[in-house]
Amino acid sequence: MANMKWEEEYSEQFDELAKNRVKMSYHKYGSVKNNYKTGNVNALESMKLCVQKYLDTGNTEYLVDARNYLMFEFMYPQHP
């Protein structure tokens, strides 16, 4: 792995955008834990909608949202 350029293999900007969205969502919608544990949000279905919106529009912000929904599913799994 000599000469690997980290910035070409991983996006720190993507992580920062995702973190900022989670922080904003906390203030708008409340705790992720509460919303997912109570079943108010379906993470996988929401992720699919974001990917479809990205495919329809090309707006990469939808990819950041999709990433967060996958993280929420990882943290608070709803899939049996």
C-alpha atoms as a PDB file:
ATOM      1  CA  MET A   1       0.000   0.000   0.000  1.00  0.00           C
ATOM      2  CA  ALA A   2       2.903   2.296  -0.604  1.00  0.00           C
ATOM      3  CA  ASN A   3       2.055   5.721  -1.958  1.00  0.00           C
ATOM      4  CA  MET A   4      -1.609   5.513  -1.023  1.00  0.00           C
ATOM      5  CA  LYS A   5      -3.215   8.943  -1.100  1.00  0.00           C
ATOM      6  CA  TRP A   6      -5.802   8.894   1.684  1.00  0.00           C
ATOM      7  CA  GLU A   7      -7.752  11.818   0.233  1.00  0.00           C
ATOM      8  CA  GLU A   8      -8.297   9.799  -2.957  1.00  0.00           C
ATOM      9  CA  GLU A   9      -9.588   6.788  -1.009  1.00  0.00           C
ATOM     10  CA  TYR A  10     -11.792   8.400   1.633  1.00  0.00           C
ATOM     11  CA  SER A  11     -13.834  11.592   1.935  1.00  0.00           C
ATOM     12  CA  GLU A  12     -13.500  13.459   5.213  1.00  0.00           C
ATOM     13  CA  GLN A  13     -15.864  16.083   3.732  1.00  0.00           C
ATOM     14  CA  PHE A  14     -18.563  13.415   3.375  1.00  0.00           C
ATOM     15  CA  ASP A  15     -18.190  12.572   7.080  1.00  0.00           C
ATOM     16  CA  GLU A  16     -18.364  16.227   8.102  1.00  0.00           C
ATOM     17  CA  LEU A  17     -21.477  16.841   6.021  1.00  0.00           C
ATOM     18  CA  ALA A  18     -23.107  13.756   7.548  1.00  0.00           C
ATOM     19  CA  LYS A  19     -22.236  14.821  11.111  1.00  0.00           C
ATOM     20  CA  ASN A  20     -23.594  18.311  10.522  1.00  0.00           C
ATOM     21  CA  ARG A  21     -26.867  16.905   9.217  1.00  0.00           C
ATOM     22  CA  VAL A  22     -27.260  14.691  12.285  1.00  0.00           C
ATOM     23  CA  LYS A  23     -26.663  17.664  14.574  1.00  0.00           C
ATOM     24  CA  MET A  24     -29.250  19.767  12.746  1.00  0.00           C
ATOM     25  CA  SER A  25     -31.767  16.913  12.714  1.00  0.00           C
ATOM     26  CA  TYR A  26     -31.422  16.490  16.466  1.00  0.00           C
ATOM     27  CA  HIS A  27     -32.627  20.058  16.962  1.00  0.00           C
ATOM     28  CA  LYS A  28     -35.442  19.702  14.412  1.00  0.00           C
ATOM     29  CA  TYR A  29     -36.729  16.193  15.143  1.00  0.00           C
ATOM     30  CA  GLY A  30     -35.238  15.107  18.468  1.00  0.00           C
ATOM     31  CA  SER A  31     -33.154  12.108  19.405  1.00  0.00           C
ATOM     32  CA  VAL A  32     -32.335   9.521  16.748  1.00  0.00           C
ATOM     33  CA  LYS A  33     -32.626   6.828  19.403  1.00  0.00           C
ATOM     34  CA  ASN A  34     -36.165   7.867  20.298  1.00  0.00           C
ATOM     35  CA  ASN A  35     -37.309   8.179  16.692  1.00  0.00           C
ATOM     36  CA  TYR A  36     -35.951   4.793  15.641  1.00  0.00           C
ATOM     37  CA  LYS A  37     -36.730   2.822  18.789  1.00  0.00           C
ATOM     38  CA  THR A  38     -40.376   3.929  18.615  1.00  0.00           C
ATOM     39  CA  GLY A  39     -40.622   3.086  14.909  1.00  0.00           C
ATOM     40  CA  ASN A  40     -41.407   6.661  13.856  1.00  0.00           C
ATOM     41  CA  VAL A  41     -38.893   6.341  11.023  1.00  0.00           C
ATOM     42  CA  ASN A  42     -37.939   3.382   8.849  1.00  0.00           C
ATOM     43  CA  ALA A  43     -34.244   3.832   8.144  1.00  0.00           C
ATOM     44  CA  LEU A  44     -33.959   1.434   5.216  1.00  0.00           C
ATOM     45  CA  GLU A  45     -37.020   2.745   3.396  1.00  0.00           C
ATOM     46  CA  SER A  46     -35.850   6.329   3.973  1.00  0.00           C
ATOM     47  CA  MET A  47     -32.409   5.418   2.614  1.00  0.00           C
ATOM     48  CA  LYS A  48     -33.976   3.936  -0.520  1.00  0.00           C
ATOM     49  CA  LEU A  49     -35.960   7.130  -1.091  1.00  0.00           C
ATOM     50  CA  CYS A  50     -32.787   9.211  -0.778  1.00  0.00           C
ATOM     51  CA  VAL A  51     -30.933   7.041  -3.287  1.00  0.00           C
ATOM     52  CA  GLN A  52     -33.844   7.329  -5.707  1.00  0.00           C
ATOM     53  CA  LYS A  53     -33.909  11.108  -5.281  1.00  0.00           C
ATOM     54  CA  TYR A  54     -30.170  11.168  -6.033  1.00  0.00           C
ATOM     55  CA  LEU A  55     -30.717   9.069  -9.161  1.00  0.00           C
ATOM     56  CA  ASP A  56     -33.518  11.397 -10.250  1.00  0.00           C
ATOM     57  CA  THR A  57     -31.742  14.677  -9.547  1.00  0.00           C
ATOM     58  CA  GLY A  58     -27.985  14.074  -9.305  1.00  0.00           C
ATOM     59  CA  ASN A  59     -27.977  16.062  -6.049  1.00  0.00           C
ATOM     60  CA  THR A  60     -25.232  14.476  -3.907  1.00  0.00           C
ATOM     61  CA  GLU A  61     -26.798  15.820  -0.692  1.00  0.00           C
ATOM     62  CA  TYR A  62     -29.219  12.902  -0.952  1.00  0.00           C
ATOM     63  CA  LEU A  63     -26.230  10.537  -0.698  1.00  0.00           C
ATOM     64  CA  VAL A  64     -25.264  12.133   2.616  1.00  0.00           C
ATOM     65  CA  ASP A  65     -28.795  11.568   3.894  1.00  0.00           C
ATOM     66  CA  ALA A  66     -28.752   7.959   2.646  1.00  0.00           C
ATOM     67  CA  ARG A  67     -25.472   7.376   4.508  1.00  0.00           C
ATOM     68  CA  ASN A  68     -27.000   8.654   7.727  1.00  0.00           C
ATOM     69  CA  TYR A  69     -30.031   6.402   7.394  1.00  0.00           C
ATOM     70  CA  LEU A  70     -27.694   3.418   6.991  1.00  0.00           C
ATOM     71  CA  MET A  71     -25.811   4.493  10.106  1.00  0.00           C
ATOM     72  CA  PHE A  72     -29.078   4.759  12.049  1.00  0.00           C
ATOM     73  CA  GLU A  73     -30.041   1.249  10.939  1.00  0.00           C
ATOM     74  CA  PHE A  74     -26.628   0.057  12.143  1.00  0.00           C
ATOM     75  CA  MET A  75     -27.106   1.778  15.507  1.00  0.00           C
ATOM     76  CA  TYR A  76     -30.790   0.888  16.040  1.00  0.00           C
ATOM     77  CA  PRO A  77     -31.588  -2.063  13.758  1.00  0.00           C
ATOM     78  CA  GLN A  78     -35.194  -2.441  12.694  1.00  0.00           C
ATOM     79  CA  HIS A  79     -34.600  -5.341  10.309  1.00  0.00           C
ATOM     80  CA  PRO A  80     -35.420  -8.655  12.004  1.00  0.00           C
END
